[in-house]
Amino acid sequence: MANPVVQIHQGQLKGQVESDFQGTPFFSFMGIPYAQAPTGELRFKSPQAPSTWDGIRDATKQGTPCHALQLLPTPESLTLKAMGSEDCLFLNVYTRKVPNDLKPVMVFIHGGAFIAGSSDRAMYGPEFLMTEDIVLVTVNYRLGALGFLTLDDPSLDVGGNAGLKDQVLALKWVQKNIKEFGGDPNNVTIFGESAGGASVHYLVLSPLTKGLFHKAIIQSASVLCPWARGTNDAEALAKSCGFLETDPSKVLQFLTQLPVEQLLEGQIKLGDWLYPGKKRNVGPTVEAKHAGAFLTEEPDDLIKSGRYNHVPLMFGYTSLEGLFDEGNKLLGFQSNWEEFVPYYFDCDVVERINQQISKFYFGTDKANPDDKNALYTVLTDAIFLRGIHLAVKAHAQSSQRPLYYYRMSLDTSLNTIKNMLNLKVKGVCHGDDLGYLFKSGHPTLEPGSLEQKSVLRFVKMWTNFARTGNPTPIEDSLVDVQWKPVTPNQLNFLDIGTDLVVGVDPDIDRMNFWDEISHGVTERR
């Protein structure tokens, strides 16, 4: 097969021929700019439409990741390194045929706590998903202060959420160009994990995304998780970089002209954390009302009222998300594992509720970080599961379309993060699901092995959902259950383990405990 050339609105692209893990060929087009480089005066601003080019652009190499602390997977571990460029708004497209009958499109948003990550193939290789006849798109977006700086003065045009607005422009690019790669612009599924999952949830809620996608998969996240919000204090960032002026226009001018390496250093000095008791410095915000705002209302109000994009939804989590605490130091996160009460709880009740939490999980009034099983479980619930559980319950009441819920308990050599961190504890770590959707590193998939069967099963259910809005439309030897959507009165779910097992109300005793301690408490996100 010859290397393909496609014509998109910006110009011509030359891709290359590759093979999925079973040896079937597909085409890849990488490093495609979907926006202008957000440099100079465009730093911190909403993304601008991409430029055109003459001739044929080489799309056989990946684009540069966005400048940030990037997690680099190695065969044994994860390492962290400041790298990348501000000229980073690229996406990759993978397809079986160009063009042909239009196929479902899946757009993946990577995780990384809004401060790290990229669409790099070392972590997100397409060789698993491309065994199905879909078109896959993976996207870079701005991170850290570059992606989320916020200034209240509307005349400065830095309202916040630039990284999420990058994702919106990428989806507009898909609508405009994906037919040339054999993709159906009327059947687009967005999916993401961790901060990527929270991004997907934000995209569901934003008025800017109407008509840009038709289904959404939210993995190990929701907008109601405490880490999914930030303060993005421009004045504090400038001060950490040595600038003491407080006038917003002067602060913006200073930060715009600062070398990107120093900007990141200032962001790191401010610190960051995932523990629930403190709102993060960097992350999405509710913007003041202005033209082009991504989100101007509280997410929980939007969910409860039904004022969002009604599409089929899938939410899910891993059985022991909190295992990722062992990787927090890699990202430089500060810890305070003696406080588990979310920052948005009324401060008058924090001490009392924290004692209740410690008693429930550790059996004493004070947490014992040496009790690892209890620690990982409370972190799973406080950081991830409660926010996911609340979102699923609220959407179950307001959504006009089906909503599916899962828990992943599968533990094999493909559990990406757990194996990179060399963790031997029983349970499935935050991020472990990625290893069954994307090729990460050089996994061994022996024919007939649990690993191979699990990859094919994950890919089948995810792509079924992308095609039809139902992850299990037909029972077969690979997917041998009927996964029922949740109802307003019952949280049906699927446990994805060695086998597929349907059930109701996952981990409900722990979630009931959180409902009890939060009853009557004022929550101000």
Protein backbone atom coordinates (compact mmCIF):
# COMPACT_ATOMS: atom_id res chain seq x y z
CA MET A 1 0.00 0.00 0.00
CA ALA A 2 1.29 3.44 -0.94
CA ASN A 3 1.57 6.23 1.59
CA PRO A 4 -1.74 8.12 1.40
CA VAL A 5 -2.28 11.81 0.58
CA VAL A 6 -5.47 13.59 1.64
CA GLN A 7 -6.78 17.07 0.92
CA ILE A 8 -8.17 18.95 3.93
CA HIS A 9 -9.23 22.59 4.23
CA GLN A 10 -5.72 23.73 5.18
CA GLY A 11 -3.91 21.88 2.38
CA GLN A 12 -2.62 18.41 1.51
CA LEU A 13 -1.29 15.87 4.01
CA LYS A 14 0.93 12.86 3.44
CA GLY A 15 0.46 10.02 5.91
CA GLN A 16 1.93 6.55 6.19
CA VAL A 17 0.88 2.90 6.32
CA GLU A 18 1.10 1.06 9.65
CA SER A 19 -0.30 -2.16 11.12
CA ASP A 20 -2.48 -2.87 14.15
CA PHE A 21 -1.38 -5.47 16.68
CA GLN A 22 -3.00 -8.24 14.60
CA GLY A 23 -1.19 -7.22 11.43
CA THR A 24 -4.04 -5.42 9.62
CA PRO A 25 -2.90 -2.22 7.87
CA PHE A 26 -4.18 1.24 8.72
CA PHE A 27 -3.18 4.81 7.83
CA SER A 28 -1.76 7.36 10.24
CA PHE A 29 -1.62 11.15 9.87
CA MET A 30 0.21 12.83 12.72
CA GLY A 31 1.18 16.31 13.84
CA ILE A 32 -1.73 18.06 12.09
CA PRO A 33 -2.15 21.66 13.30
CA TYR A 34 -5.76 22.40 14.25
CA ALA A 35 -5.06 25.94 15.48
CA GLN A 36 -2.47 28.67 15.16
CA ALA A 37 0.49 28.43 17.51
CA PRO A 38 -0.69 30.14 20.75
CA THR A 39 2.54 32.12 21.12
CA GLY A 40 3.37 35.78 21.66
CA GLU A 41 0.22 37.85 22.15
CA LEU A 42 -1.88 34.67 21.70
CA ARG A 43 -0.44 33.13 24.87
CA PHE A 44 -3.32 32.49 27.35
CA LYS A 45 -5.89 33.55 24.73
CA SER A 46 -8.62 31.50 23.05
CA PRO A 47 -7.20 29.41 20.16
CA GLN A 48 -7.35 30.80 16.65
CA ALA A 49 -8.23 28.96 13.44
CA PRO A 50 -5.23 27.27 11.76
CA SER A 51 -3.33 28.63 8.79
CA THR A 52 -3.21 27.02 5.37
CA TRP A 53 -0.10 25.77 3.57
CA ASP A 54 1.12 25.18 0.04
CA GLY A 55 2.30 21.82 -1.24
CA ILE A 56 2.07 18.54 0.69
CA ARG A 57 2.67 18.63 4.44
CA ASP A 58 4.51 15.65 5.94
CA ALA A 59 2.18 14.05 8.52
CA THR A 60 4.36 11.05 9.34
CA LYS A 61 5.81 12.45 12.59
CA GLN A 62 4.14 13.43 15.83
CA GLY A 63 3.70 17.09 16.75
CA THR A 64 5.51 18.63 19.70
CA PRO A 65 3.78 18.16 23.09
CA CYS A 66 2.61 21.23 24.95
CA HIS A 67 5.24 22.70 27.27
CA ALA A 68 4.69 21.14 30.69
CA LEU A 69 6.03 18.60 33.13
CA GLN A 70 5.68 15.59 30.88
CA LEU A 71 5.37 12.04 32.20
CA LEU A 72 7.61 9.76 30.18
CA PRO A 73 6.85 6.02 30.40
CA THR A 74 9.82 3.64 30.41
CA PRO A 75 9.74 -0.17 30.55
CA GLU A 76 10.13 -0.07 34.35
CA SER A 77 8.69 3.23 35.56
CA LEU A 78 7.51 6.75 34.88
CA THR A 79 9.81 9.75 34.79
CA LEU A 80 8.98 13.45 34.78
CA LYS A 81 10.68 16.06 32.62
CA ALA A 82 9.96 19.68 31.71
CA MET A 83 9.69 19.65 27.93
CA GLY A 84 7.58 20.60 24.94
CA SER A 85 6.71 23.78 23.08
CA GLU A 86 4.02 26.44 23.04
CA ASP A 87 3.54 25.57 19.36
CA CYS A 88 1.76 22.36 20.25
CA LEU A 89 -1.86 22.41 19.10
CA PHE A 90 -1.64 19.30 16.96
CA LEU A 91 -3.81 16.24 16.53
CA ASN A 92 -3.34 12.77 15.05
CA VAL A 93 -5.77 10.84 12.85
CA TYR A 94 -5.75 7.05 12.40
CA THR A 95 -8.03 5.33 9.89
CA ARG A 96 -8.41 2.03 8.03
CA LYS A 97 -9.41 3.57 4.69
CA VAL A 98 -9.30 7.05 3.09
CA PRO A 99 -11.94 7.95 2.18
CA ASN A 100 -14.64 5.32 1.98
CA ASP A 101 -17.99 4.62 3.61
CA LEU A 102 -18.07 6.94 6.60
CA LYS A 103 -17.07 5.32 9.89
CA PRO A 104 -17.64 6.24 13.55
CA VAL A 105 -15.15 8.78 14.88
CA MET A 106 -13.57 8.53 18.35
CA VAL A 107 -11.76 11.62 19.69
CA PHE A 108 -9.51 10.94 22.69
CA ILE A 109 -8.59 13.60 25.29
CA HIS A 110 -5.50 12.64 27.33
CA GLY A 111 -5.15 12.92 31.09
CA GLY A 112 -2.42 14.39 33.26
CA ALA A 113 -4.16 16.44 35.98
CA PHE A 114 -4.40 19.42 33.57
CA ILE A 115 -0.67 20.01 34.09
CA ALA A 116 0.97 17.15 32.15
CA GLY A 117 0.49 14.73 29.28
CA SER A 118 0.10 14.73 25.51
CA SER A 119 -1.21 12.53 22.72
CA ASP A 120 2.22 10.89 22.40
CA ARG A 121 2.12 7.34 21.06
CA ALA A 122 4.50 6.07 23.74
CA MET A 123 1.43 6.17 25.98
CA TYR A 124 -1.45 6.20 23.49
CA GLY A 125 -0.49 3.93 20.61
CA PRO A 126 -3.48 3.32 18.26
CA GLU A 127 -2.67 -0.33 17.48
CA PHE A 128 -5.42 -1.76 19.73
CA LEU A 129 -8.34 0.47 18.79
CA MET A 130 -7.50 0.27 15.09
CA THR A 131 -8.48 -3.41 15.06
CA GLU A 132 -12.01 -2.01 14.73
CA ASP A 133 -13.23 -0.06 11.71
CA ILE A 134 -13.32 3.41 13.26
CA VAL A 135 -11.47 6.69 12.79
CA LEU A 136 -9.42 7.62 15.87
CA VAL A 137 -8.31 11.18 16.67
CA THR A 138 -5.95 12.07 19.56
CA VAL A 139 -5.43 15.67 20.62
CA ASN A 140 -2.90 17.92 22.36
CA TYR A 141 -4.22 20.89 24.37
CA ARG A 142 -2.58 23.58 26.49
CA LEU A 143 -1.71 22.65 30.08
CA GLY A 144 -0.95 24.35 33.36
CA ALA A 145 -0.96 28.14 33.45
CA LEU A 146 -0.71 28.26 29.66
CA GLY A 147 -4.04 26.46 29.43
CA PHE A 148 -5.94 27.82 32.42
CA LEU A 149 -4.70 31.29 33.46
CA THR A 150 -7.68 33.50 34.36
CA LEU A 151 -8.06 37.27 34.59
CA ASP A 152 -11.33 38.86 35.67
CA ASP A 153 -10.93 41.97 33.49
CA PRO A 154 -12.94 41.12 30.32
CA SER A 155 -11.01 43.70 28.27
CA LEU A 156 -7.87 41.54 28.60
CA ASP A 157 -9.54 38.55 26.88
CA VAL A 158 -8.12 35.95 29.25
CA GLY A 159 -11.33 34.57 30.72
CA GLY A 160 -9.84 31.15 31.48
CA ASN A 161 -10.20 27.56 30.23
CA ALA A 162 -8.02 28.10 27.15
CA GLY A 163 -7.07 24.40 27.25
CA LEU A 164 -10.74 23.38 27.10
CA LYS A 165 -11.33 25.89 24.31
CA ASP A 166 -8.47 24.19 22.44
CA GLN A 167 -10.47 20.97 22.65
CA VAL A 168 -13.55 22.73 21.26
CA LEU A 169 -11.56 24.00 18.27
CA ALA A 170 -10.19 20.49 17.72
CA LEU A 171 -13.77 19.18 17.58
CA LYS A 172 -14.65 21.90 15.08
CA TRP A 173 -11.66 20.78 13.01
CA VAL A 174 -13.05 17.23 13.12
CA GLN A 175 -16.43 18.43 11.89
CA LYS A 176 -14.78 20.26 9.02
CA ASN A 177 -12.22 17.69 7.89
CA ILE A 178 -12.88 14.18 9.16
CA LYS A 179 -14.79 13.06 6.04
CA GLU A 180 -11.51 13.18 4.13
CA PHE A 181 -10.22 10.41 6.44
CA GLY A 182 -13.36 8.28 6.12
CA GLY A 183 -14.91 9.58 9.35
CA ASP A 184 -18.56 10.43 9.90
CA PRO A 185 -18.92 13.95 11.33
CA ASN A 186 -22.45 13.01 12.41
CA ASN A 187 -21.21 10.14 14.60
CA VAL A 188 -18.44 11.47 16.85
CA THR A 189 -17.68 10.04 20.30
CA ILE A 190 -15.43 11.94 22.68
CA PHE A 191 -13.63 9.94 25.37
CA GLY A 192 -10.94 10.58 27.93
CA GLU A 193 -9.40 9.39 31.19
CA SER A 194 -8.59 11.32 34.38
CA ALA A 195 -8.23 15.02 33.44
CA GLY A 196 -9.19 13.89 29.94
CA GLY A 197 -12.36 12.35 31.38
CA ALA A 198 -13.13 15.54 33.31
CA SER A 199 -12.51 17.47 30.08
CA VAL A 200 -15.03 15.27 28.28
CA HIS A 201 -17.55 15.92 31.05
CA TYR A 202 -16.93 19.67 30.78
CA LEU A 203 -17.43 19.42 27.01
CA VAL A 204 -20.80 17.75 27.67
CA LEU A 205 -21.80 20.72 29.85
CA SER A 206 -20.44 23.58 27.71
CA PRO A 207 -22.77 25.55 25.43
CA LEU A 208 -19.88 25.95 22.96
CA THR A 209 -19.99 22.28 21.93
CA LYS A 210 -23.56 21.86 20.73
CA GLY A 211 -23.58 19.53 17.71
CA LEU A 212 -19.83 18.82 17.81
CA PHE A 213 -20.15 15.28 19.21
CA HIS A 214 -22.83 12.65 19.70
CA LYS A 215 -21.65 10.35 22.53
CA ALA A 216 -19.25 10.69 25.46
CA ILE A 217 -17.16 8.29 27.60
CA ILE A 218 -15.85 9.63 30.92
CA GLN A 219 -13.20 7.41 32.53
CA SER A 220 -12.07 7.85 36.16
CA ALA A 221 -13.34 11.41 36.46
CA SER A 222 -16.19 13.84 36.63
CA VAL A 223 -16.45 17.61 36.92
CA LEU A 224 -17.57 17.06 40.54
CA CYS A 225 -14.22 15.53 41.58
CA PRO A 226 -12.43 18.06 43.84
CA TRP A 227 -9.27 18.10 41.68
CA ALA A 228 -11.22 19.13 38.57
CA ARG A 229 -11.34 22.81 39.54
CA GLY A 230 -8.62 25.45 39.85
CA THR A 231 -8.05 29.01 41.01
CA ASN A 232 -5.59 30.05 38.26
CA ASP A 233 -4.49 33.15 40.18
CA ALA A 234 -2.52 35.27 37.71
CA GLU A 235 -1.29 37.69 40.37
CA ALA A 236 0.03 34.86 42.55
CA LEU A 237 1.75 33.29 39.54
CA ALA A 238 3.42 36.58 38.60
CA LYS A 239 4.56 37.05 42.21
CA SER A 240 6.10 33.56 42.25
CA CYS A 241 8.04 34.63 39.14
CA GLY A 242 9.32 37.78 40.87
CA PHE A 243 6.79 40.38 39.61
CA LEU A 244 5.08 42.31 42.41
CA GLU A 245 2.73 44.60 40.46
CA THR A 246 -0.98 43.87 40.92
CA ASP A 247 -2.53 45.76 38.01
CA PRO A 248 -4.11 43.02 35.81
CA SER A 249 -2.92 44.50 32.52
CA LYS A 250 0.66 44.75 33.80
CA VAL A 251 0.47 41.23 35.22
CA LEU A 252 -0.70 39.92 31.84
CA GLN A 253 2.02 41.83 29.99
CA PHE A 254 4.68 40.39 32.31
CA LEU A 255 3.42 36.83 32.05
CA THR A 256 3.01 37.07 28.27
CA GLN A 257 6.61 38.14 27.79
CA LEU A 258 8.12 35.73 30.33
CA PRO A 259 10.11 32.81 28.85
CA VAL A 260 7.96 29.71 28.99
CA GLU A 261 10.53 27.85 31.11
CA GLN A 262 10.33 30.53 33.82
CA LEU A 263 6.54 30.49 33.65
CA LEU A 264 6.55 26.77 34.40
CA GLU A 265 9.05 27.27 37.21
CA GLY A 266 6.72 29.84 38.79
CA GLN A 267 3.78 27.46 38.46
CA ILE A 268 5.78 24.71 40.19
CA LYS A 269 6.74 27.09 43.02
CA LEU A 270 3.07 27.73 43.74
CA GLY A 271 2.63 24.01 44.33
CA ASP A 272 -0.10 21.59 43.38
CA TRP A 273 -2.05 18.82 45.06
CA LEU A 274 -4.70 16.21 44.53
CA TYR A 275 -5.86 15.85 48.11
CA PRO A 276 -9.46 17.02 48.47
CA GLY A 277 -9.00 19.61 51.22
CA LYS A 278 -7.65 22.38 49.02
CA LYS A 279 -8.68 23.72 45.62
CA ARG A 280 -5.92 23.29 43.07
CA ASN A 281 -3.92 26.21 41.72
CA VAL A 282 -4.37 25.08 38.12
CA GLY A 283 -7.53 23.80 36.47
CA PRO A 284 -10.88 24.58 34.87
CA THR A 285 -13.02 27.38 36.27
CA VAL A 286 -16.49 28.83 35.95
CA GLU A 287 -15.92 31.94 33.85
CA ALA A 288 -17.52 35.36 34.15
CA LYS A 289 -20.06 35.85 31.38
CA HIS A 290 -18.39 37.08 28.22
CA ALA A 291 -18.42 36.34 24.52
CA GLY A 292 -16.81 32.96 23.87
CA ALA A 293 -16.99 31.75 27.48
CA PHE A 294 -16.66 27.99 27.82
CA LEU A 295 -18.65 27.65 31.05
CA THR A 296 -20.43 30.33 33.09
CA GLU A 297 -22.59 28.24 35.44
CA GLU A 298 -21.76 25.80 38.20
CA PRO A 299 -21.45 22.26 36.79
CA ASP A 300 -23.69 20.64 39.41
CA ASP A 301 -26.44 23.18 38.64
CA LEU A 302 -26.18 22.39 34.93
CA ILE A 303 -26.34 18.62 35.52
CA LYS A 304 -29.31 18.77 37.88
CA SER A 305 -31.25 21.16 35.64
CA GLY A 306 -30.52 19.23 32.44
CA ARG A 307 -29.03 22.29 30.71
CA TYR A 308 -26.30 20.41 28.83
CA ASN A 309 -25.71 18.42 25.66
CA HIS A 310 -27.88 15.32 25.90
CA VAL A 311 -25.96 12.44 24.36
CA PRO A 312 -25.46 8.80 25.40
CA LEU A 313 -22.96 8.75 28.27
CA MET A 314 -20.64 6.18 29.81
CA PHE A 315 -19.00 6.76 33.22
CA GLY A 316 -16.61 4.42 34.98
CA TYR A 317 -13.78 3.95 37.45
CA THR A 318 -11.11 1.48 38.50
CA SER A 319 -11.50 -0.56 41.66
CA LEU A 320 -8.65 1.14 43.57
CA GLU A 321 -8.06 4.53 41.96
CA GLY A 322 -6.23 5.69 45.08
CA LEU A 323 -3.24 3.46 44.35
CA PHE A 324 -2.04 6.39 42.26
CA ASP A 325 -0.95 8.04 45.50
CA GLU A 326 2.29 6.14 44.94
CA GLY A 327 2.81 8.16 41.76
CA ASN A 328 1.93 11.56 43.18
CA LYS A 329 5.53 12.40 44.00
CA LEU A 330 6.41 11.95 40.31
CA LEU A 331 4.13 14.86 39.48
CA GLY A 332 5.39 16.91 42.40
CA PHE A 333 2.03 16.85 44.18
CA GLN A 334 2.00 17.92 47.81
CA SER A 335 0.20 15.54 50.15
CA ASN A 336 -1.90 15.94 53.27
CA TRP A 337 -3.38 12.51 53.84
CA GLU A 338 -4.75 13.44 57.24
CA GLU A 339 -7.52 15.53 55.68
CA PHE A 340 -10.05 13.96 53.34
CA VAL A 341 -12.94 16.44 53.52
CA PRO A 342 -13.49 18.23 50.18
CA TYR A 343 -12.51 21.90 50.17
CA TYR A 344 -16.05 22.92 49.25
CA PHE A 345 -17.61 21.61 52.49
CA ASP A 346 -18.61 24.26 55.02
CA CYS A 347 -15.46 24.91 57.07
CA ASP A 348 -17.38 24.64 60.37
CA VAL A 349 -17.91 20.90 59.85
CA VAL A 350 -14.52 19.89 58.45
CA GLU A 351 -12.92 18.66 61.68
CA ARG A 352 -15.96 16.64 62.73
CA ILE A 353 -16.43 15.03 59.31
CA ASN A 354 -12.74 14.28 58.96
CA GLN A 355 -12.92 12.31 62.22
CA GLN A 356 -15.94 10.41 60.89
CA ILE A 357 -14.05 9.56 57.71
CA SER A 358 -11.00 8.37 59.64
CA LYS A 359 -13.19 6.24 61.90
CA PHE A 360 -14.99 4.67 58.93
CA TYR A 361 -11.87 3.80 56.90
CA PHE A 362 -9.12 3.42 59.52
CA GLY A 363 -11.11 2.45 62.62
CA THR A 364 -9.66 5.35 64.65
CA ASP A 365 -10.26 9.11 64.97
CA LYS A 366 -6.99 9.81 63.18
CA ALA A 367 -5.89 8.48 59.80
CA ASN A 368 -2.99 6.03 59.73
CA PRO A 369 -1.08 6.44 56.43
CA ASP A 370 0.74 3.17 57.18
CA ASP A 371 -2.55 1.31 56.74
CA LYS A 372 -2.16 1.23 52.99
CA ASN A 373 -5.36 -0.63 52.11
CA ALA A 374 -7.45 1.87 54.08
CA LEU A 375 -5.47 4.79 52.67
CA TYR A 376 -5.87 3.70 49.04
CA THR A 377 -9.59 3.09 49.60
CA VAL A 378 -10.33 6.47 51.17
CA LEU A 379 -8.30 8.20 48.46
CA THR A 380 -10.26 6.29 45.82
CA ASP A 381 -13.49 7.58 47.29
CA ALA A 382 -12.55 11.12 48.33
CA ILE A 383 -10.63 12.03 45.18
CA PHE A 384 -12.45 10.06 42.49
CA LEU A 385 -15.42 7.85 43.24
CA ARG A 386 -17.64 10.22 45.20
CA GLY A 387 -17.46 12.81 42.42
CA ILE A 388 -18.19 10.13 39.80
CA HIS A 389 -21.01 8.65 41.88
CA LEU A 390 -22.66 12.07 42.38
CA ALA A 391 -22.43 12.83 38.67
CA VAL A 392 -23.92 9.48 37.65
CA LYS A 393 -26.80 9.86 40.11
CA ALA A 394 -27.53 13.42 38.95
CA HIS A 395 -27.34 12.56 35.24
CA ALA A 396 -29.60 9.56 35.86
CA GLN A 397 -32.28 12.01 36.96
CA SER A 398 -31.86 14.59 34.19
CA SER A 399 -30.45 12.83 31.11
CA GLN A 400 -32.70 12.23 28.12
CA ARG A 401 -30.32 9.62 26.68
CA PRO A 402 -28.92 6.29 27.99
CA LEU A 403 -26.18 6.36 30.63
CA TYR A 404 -23.90 3.37 31.27
CA TYR A 405 -21.77 2.82 34.37
CA TYR A 406 -18.83 0.45 34.94
CA ARG A 407 -16.18 -0.55 37.46
CA MET A 408 -12.92 -2.07 36.23
CA SER A 409 -11.49 -4.83 38.44
CA LEU A 410 -9.30 -6.49 35.79
CA ASP A 411 -5.68 -6.94 36.91
CA THR A 412 -3.15 -8.26 34.36
CA SER A 413 0.25 -7.35 32.97
CA LEU A 414 -1.47 -4.65 30.89
CA ASN A 415 -2.48 -2.54 33.91
CA THR A 416 -0.48 0.42 32.69
CA ILE A 417 0.16 2.63 35.72
CA LYS A 418 0.25 -0.10 38.35
CA ASN A 419 2.96 -1.95 36.45
CA MET A 420 4.95 1.20 35.65
CA LEU A 421 4.95 2.06 39.36
CA ASN A 422 5.81 -1.57 40.21
CA LEU A 423 2.90 -1.85 42.66
CA LYS A 424 2.13 -5.30 44.08
CA VAL A 425 -1.08 -4.41 45.96
CA LYS A 426 -4.34 -6.06 44.96
CA GLY A 427 -6.61 -3.64 43.10
CA VAL A 428 -6.75 -1.64 39.88
CA CYS A 429 -4.91 1.69 39.87
CA HIS A 430 -6.04 4.98 38.37
CA GLY A 431 -5.06 4.87 34.69
CA ASP A 432 -4.82 1.10 34.43
CA ASP A 433 -7.72 0.96 31.96
CA LEU A 434 -5.62 2.76 29.35
CA GLY A 435 -3.51 -0.33 28.70
CA TYR A 436 -6.51 -2.15 27.21
CA LEU A 437 -7.44 0.61 24.76
CA PHE A 438 -4.02 1.88 23.73
CA LYS A 439 -0.70 0.23 23.11
CA SER A 440 1.68 1.56 25.76
CA GLY A 441 5.29 0.43 25.46
CA HIS A 442 5.81 -3.06 24.05
CA PRO A 443 3.18 -5.33 25.60
CA THR A 444 3.06 -9.03 24.85
CA LEU A 445 -0.34 -10.28 23.70
CA GLU A 446 -0.15 -14.03 23.38
CA PRO A 447 -2.98 -15.47 21.26
CA GLY A 448 -5.72 -16.75 23.52
CA SER A 449 -4.27 -15.07 26.63
CA LEU A 450 -6.36 -13.12 29.13
CA GLU A 451 -4.49 -9.99 28.03
CA GLN A 452 -5.42 -10.44 24.38
CA LYS A 453 -9.03 -11.33 25.18
CA SER A 454 -9.34 -8.34 27.50
CA VAL A 455 -7.96 -5.91 24.90
CA LEU A 456 -10.39 -7.20 22.27
CA ARG A 457 -13.24 -7.01 24.79
CA PHE A 458 -12.49 -3.44 25.90
CA VAL A 459 -12.06 -2.29 22.31
CA LYS A 460 -15.27 -4.03 21.24
CA MET A 461 -17.39 -2.44 23.98
CA TRP A 462 -15.91 1.05 23.50
CA THR A 463 -16.31 0.95 19.72
CA ASN A 464 -19.80 -0.59 20.00
CA PHE A 465 -20.75 2.43 22.07
CA ALA A 466 -19.22 4.73 19.46
CA ARG A 467 -21.21 3.07 16.70
CA THR A 468 -24.58 2.65 18.37
CA GLY A 469 -24.67 4.31 21.79
CA ASN A 470 -24.91 0.82 23.34
CA PRO A 471 -21.68 -0.95 24.46
CA THR A 472 -23.26 -4.43 24.29
CA PRO A 473 -25.83 -4.41 21.48
CA ILE A 474 -25.23 -8.11 20.66
CA GLU A 475 -24.07 -10.88 22.99
CA ASP A 476 -21.25 -13.08 21.67
CA SER A 477 -18.38 -15.16 23.03
CA LEU A 478 -16.32 -12.02 23.71
CA VAL A 479 -19.00 -9.76 25.19
CA ASP A 480 -21.41 -12.22 26.77
CA VAL A 481 -23.65 -9.92 28.84
CA GLN A 482 -26.33 -7.32 28.37
CA TRP A 483 -25.08 -4.12 30.01
CA LYS A 484 -28.14 -2.21 31.15
CA PRO A 485 -28.12 1.59 31.44
CA VAL A 486 -28.77 3.22 34.80
CA THR A 487 -32.27 4.35 35.63
CA PRO A 488 -33.43 7.19 37.89
CA ASN A 489 -34.00 4.62 40.64
CA GLN A 490 -31.25 2.05 40.03
CA LEU A 491 -27.52 2.33 39.31
CA ASN A 492 -27.04 -0.65 37.02
CA PHE A 493 -23.37 -1.26 36.27
CA LEU A 494 -20.92 -3.67 34.67
CA ASP A 495 -17.90 -5.02 36.52
CA ILE A 496 -15.13 -5.46 33.94
CA GLY A 497 -12.84 -8.09 35.38
CA THR A 498 -11.58 -11.46 34.19
CA ASP A 499 -15.25 -11.95 33.37
CA LEU A 500 -18.02 -9.44 32.70
CA VAL A 501 -20.50 -9.35 35.58
CA VAL A 502 -23.58 -7.13 35.73
CA GLY A 503 -24.74 -5.69 39.04
CA VAL A 504 -26.44 -2.83 40.84
CA ASP A 505 -25.05 0.00 43.01
CA PRO A 506 -21.27 -0.56 42.99
CA ASP A 507 -19.47 0.11 46.30
CA ILE A 508 -22.75 1.41 47.65
CA ASP A 509 -21.89 1.03 51.37
CA ARG A 510 -19.02 3.49 51.01
CA MET A 511 -21.07 5.87 48.89
CA ASN A 512 -23.94 5.74 51.38
CA PHE A 513 -21.45 6.72 54.08
CA TRP A 514 -20.46 9.82 52.09
CA ASP A 515 -24.11 10.68 51.53
CA GLU A 516 -24.70 10.47 55.29
CA ILE A 517 -21.79 12.66 56.34
CA SER A 518 -22.61 15.28 53.69
CA HIS A 519 -26.31 15.41 54.52
CA GLY A 520 -27.24 18.96 55.44
CA VAL A 521 -23.72 20.27 54.76
CA THR A 522 -23.37 23.40 52.65
CA GLU A 523 -21.19 22.71 49.62
CA ARG A 524 -19.70 25.69 47.76
CA ARG A 525 -17.59 24.70 44.79
